[in-house]
Amino acid sequence: MSWHLSFHAANHHIDAGSMAPLTNDFSALKNAWLKTKEHQLLRLLEEEYAFDRPVCRSLVHLMHEFSEEYYGWQRGDQQIIYEAVALREPSGKPMDDLATIPVKLTVFHPDDTEVLMQEGPGGLRRFKLLRLANEAYDQGGFLSRPTSLSS
């Protein structure tokens, strides 16, 4: 047993003899993997769509990344994901032709209440619009709206 583990075992009254030894048996990990949704999706892609295993792994990985980005694992409780126009896009292009990127925008911030109390609803709206525009810009995007609102 290492010095570090011995130190913690002595300080926390751990019986090192009762600890399970490390093994190279990965069967428990494999069994856990077989029960995951990712593995089920991989099997579905292989069996139902006859994709090759490397294609299935790539698709599962892409779907997992997409889910993380858009459905919450990488955003805060008070944030939304918004498709902003990429900063690299030139002006004058039709909206349908613009490249977009996902950005996280903070819908509710602790400062909002204080701004509302001090500056009223109009002040809060200006404060939020500025915050949202800055958040999008810091992540490489512009907030925009369709230009054909006159109809």
C-alpha atoms as a PDB file:
ATOM      1  CA  MET A   1       0.000   0.000   0.000  1.00  0.00           C
ATOM      2  CA  SER A   2       1.341   3.464  -0.889  1.00  0.00           C
ATOM      3  CA  TRP A   3       2.248   6.052   1.751  1.00  0.00           C
ATOM      4  CA  HIS A   4      -0.652   8.277   0.604  1.00  0.00           C
ATOM      5  CA  LEU A   5      -3.206   5.493   0.920  1.00  0.00           C
ATOM      6  CA  SER A   6      -1.696   4.358   4.259  1.00  0.00           C
ATOM      7  CA  PHE A   7      -1.944   7.917   5.569  1.00  0.00           C
ATOM      8  CA  HIS A   8      -5.640   8.199   4.640  1.00  0.00           C
ATOM      9  CA  ALA A   9      -6.386   4.695   5.892  1.00  0.00           C
ATOM     10  CA  ALA A  10      -4.832   5.543   9.278  1.00  0.00           C
ATOM     11  CA  ASN A  11      -6.567   8.928   9.551  1.00  0.00           C
ATOM     12  CA  HIS A  12      -9.982   7.685   8.466  1.00  0.00           C
ATOM     13  CA  HIS A  13      -9.932   4.270  10.147  1.00  0.00           C
ATOM     14  CA  ILE A  14      -9.992   2.364   6.864  1.00  0.00           C
ATOM     15  CA  ASP A  15      -9.058  -1.298   6.968  1.00  0.00           C
ATOM     16  CA  ALA A  16      -6.796  -1.704   3.940  1.00  0.00           C
ATOM     17  CA  GLY A  17      -7.228  -5.470   4.123  1.00  0.00           C
ATOM     18  CA  SER A  18     -10.951  -5.149   3.382  1.00  0.00           C
ATOM     19  CA  MET A  19     -10.397  -3.112   0.237  1.00  0.00           C
ATOM     20  CA  ALA A  20     -10.969  -4.996  -3.021  1.00  0.00           C
ATOM     21  CA  PRO A  21      -7.754  -5.469  -4.979  1.00  0.00           C
ATOM     22  CA  LEU A  22      -7.485  -3.836  -8.380  1.00  0.00           C
ATOM     23  CA  THR A  23      -7.745  -6.257 -11.257  1.00  0.00           C
ATOM     24  CA  ASN A  24      -7.646  -6.070 -15.012  1.00  0.00           C
ATOM     25  CA  ASP A  25     -11.130  -7.596 -15.240  1.00  0.00           C
ATOM     26  CA  PHE A  26     -13.122  -5.220 -17.410  1.00  0.00           C
ATOM     27  CA  SER A  27     -16.225  -7.399 -17.630  1.00  0.00           C
ATOM     28  CA  ALA A  28     -18.114  -5.187 -15.152  1.00  0.00           C
ATOM     29  CA  LEU A  29     -17.347  -2.110 -17.267  1.00  0.00           C
ATOM     30  CA  LYS A  30     -18.387  -3.916 -20.435  1.00  0.00           C
ATOM     31  CA  ASN A  31     -21.667  -4.973 -18.838  1.00  0.00           C
ATOM     32  CA  ALA A  32     -22.344  -1.364 -17.793  1.00  0.00           C
ATOM     33  CA  TRP A  33     -21.591  -0.153 -21.341  1.00  0.00           C
ATOM     34  CA  LEU A  34     -23.986  -2.718 -22.840  1.00  0.00           C
ATOM     35  CA  LYS A  35     -26.831  -1.196 -20.812  1.00  0.00           C
ATOM     36  CA  THR A  36     -26.289   2.423 -21.874  1.00  0.00           C
ATOM     37  CA  LYS A  37     -28.461   4.340 -24.307  1.00  0.00           C
ATOM     38  CA  GLU A  38     -25.376   5.015 -26.439  1.00  0.00           C
ATOM     39  CA  HIS A  39     -24.795   1.300 -26.913  1.00  0.00           C
ATOM     40  CA  GLN A  40     -28.452   0.706 -27.678  1.00  0.00           C
ATOM     41  CA  LEU A  41     -28.305   3.404 -30.341  1.00  0.00           C
ATOM     42  CA  LEU A  42     -25.105   1.920 -31.762  1.00  0.00           C
ATOM     43  CA  ARG A  43     -26.761  -1.511 -32.028  1.00  0.00           C
ATOM     44  CA  LEU A  44     -29.869   0.015 -33.627  1.00  0.00           C
ATOM     45  CA  LEU A  45     -27.765   1.779 -36.267  1.00  0.00           C
ATOM     46  CA  GLU A  46     -25.879  -1.429 -36.995  1.00  0.00           C
ATOM     47  CA  GLU A  47     -28.850  -3.770 -37.097  1.00  0.00           C
ATOM     48  CA  GLU A  48     -31.669  -1.632 -38.504  1.00  0.00           C
ATOM     49  CA  TYR A  49     -29.707   0.573 -40.898  1.00  0.00           C
ATOM     50  CA  ALA A  50     -26.772  -1.767 -41.694  1.00  0.00           C
ATOM     51  CA  PHE A  51     -24.161   0.903 -41.009  1.00  0.00           C
ATOM     52  CA  ASP A  52     -20.571  -0.237 -40.433  1.00  0.00           C
ATOM     53  CA  ARG A  53     -19.343  -0.173 -36.830  1.00  0.00           C
ATOM     54  CA  PRO A  54     -16.999   2.855 -37.344  1.00  0.00           C
ATOM     55  CA  VAL A  55     -19.868   4.847 -38.890  1.00  0.00           C
ATOM     56  CA  CYS A  56     -22.125   3.890 -35.971  1.00  0.00           C
ATOM     57  CA  ARG A  57     -19.532   4.989 -33.411  1.00  0.00           C
ATOM     58  CA  SER A  58     -19.083   8.314 -35.202  1.00  0.00           C
ATOM     59  CA  LEU A  59     -22.821   8.924 -35.369  1.00  0.00           C
ATOM     60  CA  VAL A  60     -23.313   8.055 -31.698  1.00  0.00           C
ATOM     61  CA  HIS A  61     -20.446  10.384 -30.760  1.00  0.00           C
ATOM     62  CA  LEU A  62     -21.904  13.236 -32.849  1.00  0.00           C
ATOM     63  CA  MET A  63     -25.364  12.717 -31.356  1.00  0.00           C
ATOM     64  CA  HIS A  64     -23.906  12.710 -27.852  1.00  0.00           C
ATOM     65  CA  GLU A  65     -22.036  15.983 -28.512  1.00  0.00           C
ATOM     66  CA  PHE A  66     -25.187  17.531 -29.992  1.00  0.00           C
ATOM     67  CA  SER A  67     -27.238  16.487 -26.973  1.00  0.00           C
ATOM     68  CA  GLU A  68     -24.700  17.919 -24.557  1.00  0.00           C
ATOM     69  CA  GLU A  69     -24.528  21.208 -26.393  1.00  0.00           C
ATOM     70  CA  TYR A  70     -28.231  21.753 -26.958  1.00  0.00           C
ATOM     71  CA  TYR A  71     -29.972  20.002 -24.119  1.00  0.00           C
ATOM     72  CA  GLY A  72     -28.323  21.144 -20.991  1.00  0.00           C
ATOM     73  CA  TRP A  73     -25.206  19.367 -19.849  1.00  0.00           C
ATOM     74  CA  GLN A  74     -23.089  22.369 -20.800  1.00  0.00           C
ATOM     75  CA  ARG A  75     -25.421  25.205 -19.957  1.00  0.00           C
ATOM     76  CA  GLY A  76     -26.516  26.774 -16.714  1.00  0.00           C
ATOM     77  CA  ASP A  77     -29.975  26.580 -15.194  1.00  0.00           C
ATOM     78  CA  GLN A  78     -30.821  30.116 -16.287  1.00  0.00           C
ATOM     79  CA  GLN A  79     -29.434  29.777 -19.821  1.00  0.00           C
ATOM     80  CA  ILE A  80     -30.817  28.911 -23.241  1.00  0.00           C
ATOM     81  CA  ILE A  81     -29.082  27.833 -26.427  1.00  0.00           C
ATOM     82  CA  TYR A  82     -29.665  30.242 -29.315  1.00  0.00           C
ATOM     83  CA  GLU A  83     -28.542  29.960 -32.931  1.00  0.00           C
ATOM     84  CA  ALA A  84     -26.644  33.207 -33.506  1.00  0.00           C
ATOM     85  CA  VAL A  85     -25.192  34.422 -36.792  1.00  0.00           C
ATOM     86  CA  ALA A  86     -21.479  33.596 -36.931  1.00  0.00           C
ATOM     87  CA  LEU A  87     -19.193  36.640 -36.645  1.00  0.00           C
ATOM     88  CA  ARG A  88     -17.367  35.673 -39.840  1.00  0.00           C
ATOM     89  CA  GLU A  89     -20.489  36.226 -41.949  1.00  0.00           C
ATOM     90  CA  PRO A  90     -20.504  39.371 -44.117  1.00  0.00           C
ATOM     91  CA  SER A  91     -23.410  41.795 -43.971  1.00  0.00           C
ATOM     92  CA  GLY A  92     -25.968  41.849 -46.771  1.00  0.00           C
ATOM     93  CA  LYS A  93     -26.365  38.080 -47.115  1.00  0.00           C
ATOM     94  CA  PRO A  94     -29.898  36.654 -47.030  1.00  0.00           C
ATOM     95  CA  MET A  95     -30.801  35.258 -43.599  1.00  0.00           C
ATOM     96  CA  ASP A  96     -31.253  31.734 -44.974  1.00  0.00           C
ATOM     97  CA  ASP A  97     -27.661  31.719 -46.283  1.00  0.00           C
ATOM     98  CA  LEU A  98     -25.976  32.837 -43.046  1.00  0.00           C
ATOM     99  CA  ALA A  99     -23.915  30.355 -41.045  1.00  0.00           C
ATOM    100  CA  THR A 100     -25.030  30.113 -37.440  1.00  0.00           C
ATOM    101  CA  ILE A 101     -23.430  28.897 -34.238  1.00  0.00           C
ATOM    102  CA  PRO A 102     -25.020  27.860 -30.957  1.00  0.00           C
ATOM    103  CA  VAL A 103     -24.441  30.323 -28.106  1.00  0.00           C
ATOM    104  CA  LYS A 104     -25.484  30.174 -24.471  1.00  0.00           C
ATOM    105  CA  LEU A 105     -27.542  33.169 -23.361  1.00  0.00           C
ATOM    106  CA  THR A 106     -28.396  33.982 -19.765  1.00  0.00           C
ATOM    107  CA  VAL A 107     -32.127  34.625 -19.594  1.00  0.00           C
ATOM    108  CA  PHE A 108     -32.217  35.408 -15.869  1.00  0.00           C
ATOM    109  CA  HIS A 109     -29.269  36.908 -14.006  1.00  0.00           C
ATOM    110  CA  PRO A 110     -29.056  37.896 -10.332  1.00  0.00           C
ATOM    111  CA  ASP A 111     -28.408  41.530 -11.361  1.00  0.00           C
ATOM    112  CA  ASP A 112     -31.754  41.721 -13.200  1.00  0.00           C
ATOM    113  CA  THR A 113     -33.767  42.295 -10.026  1.00  0.00           C
ATOM    114  CA  GLU A 114     -31.593  45.214  -8.905  1.00  0.00           C
ATOM    115  CA  VAL A 115     -31.707  46.808 -12.372  1.00  0.00           C
ATOM    116  CA  LEU A 116     -35.499  46.436 -12.455  1.00  0.00           C
ATOM    117  CA  MET A 117     -35.825  48.115  -9.053  1.00  0.00           C
ATOM    118  CA  GLN A 118     -33.482  50.994  -9.951  1.00  0.00           C
ATOM    119  CA  GLU A 119     -34.290  51.605 -13.626  1.00  0.00           C
ATOM    120  CA  GLY A 120     -37.725  50.063 -14.214  1.00  0.00           C
ATOM    121  CA  PRO A 121     -38.870  47.739 -16.978  1.00  0.00           C
ATOM    122  CA  GLY A 122     -37.336  49.812 -19.787  1.00  0.00           C
ATOM    123  CA  GLY A 123     -33.957  49.875 -18.053  1.00  0.00           C
ATOM    124  CA  LEU A 124     -34.115  46.133 -17.477  1.00  0.00           C
ATOM    125  CA  ARG A 125     -34.899  45.538 -21.145  1.00  0.00           C
ATOM    126  CA  ARG A 126     -31.893  47.624 -22.267  1.00  0.00           C
ATOM    127  CA  PHE A 127     -29.677  45.894 -19.669  1.00  0.00           C
ATOM    128  CA  LYS A 128     -30.764  42.415 -20.806  1.00  0.00           C
ATOM    129  CA  LEU A 129     -30.392  43.199 -24.515  1.00  0.00           C
ATOM    130  CA  LEU A 130     -26.877  44.500 -23.940  1.00  0.00           C
ATOM    131  CA  ARG A 131     -25.965  41.460 -21.808  1.00  0.00           C
ATOM    132  CA  LEU A 132     -27.372  39.001 -24.348  1.00  0.00           C
ATOM    133  CA  ALA A 133     -25.618  40.731 -27.270  1.00  0.00           C
ATOM    134  CA  ASN A 134     -22.301  40.717 -25.383  1.00  0.00           C
ATOM    135  CA  GLU A 135     -22.675  37.046 -24.417  1.00  0.00           C
ATOM    136  CA  ALA A 136     -23.338  36.087 -28.044  1.00  0.00           C
ATOM    137  CA  TYR A 137     -20.414  38.194 -29.283  1.00  0.00           C
ATOM    138  CA  ASP A 138     -18.034  36.707 -26.700  1.00  0.00           C
ATOM    139  CA  GLN A 139     -18.935  33.258 -28.063  1.00  0.00           C
ATOM    140  CA  GLY A 140     -18.434  34.240 -31.706  1.00  0.00           C
ATOM    141  CA  GLY A 141     -21.946  35.218 -32.732  1.00  0.00           C
ATOM    142  CA  PHE A 142     -24.284  38.123 -33.433  1.00  0.00           C
ATOM    143  CA  LEU A 143     -27.877  38.325 -32.308  1.00  0.00           C
ATOM    144  CA  SER A 144     -30.031  39.161 -35.292  1.00  0.00           C
ATOM    145  CA  ARG A 145     -33.588  39.246 -36.467  1.00  0.00           C
ATOM    146  CA  PRO A 146     -35.104  38.856 -39.916  1.00  0.00           C
ATOM    147  CA  THR A 147     -35.053  42.140 -41.859  1.00  0.00           C
ATOM    148  CA  SER A 148     -38.406  41.570 -43.580  1.00  0.00           C
ATOM    149  CA  LEU A 149     -40.618  42.629 -40.678  1.00  0.00           C
ATOM    150  CA  SER A 150     -42.518  45.223 -42.704  1.00  0.00           C
ATOM    151  CA  SER A 151     -45.137  42.800 -44.024  1.00  0.00           C
END
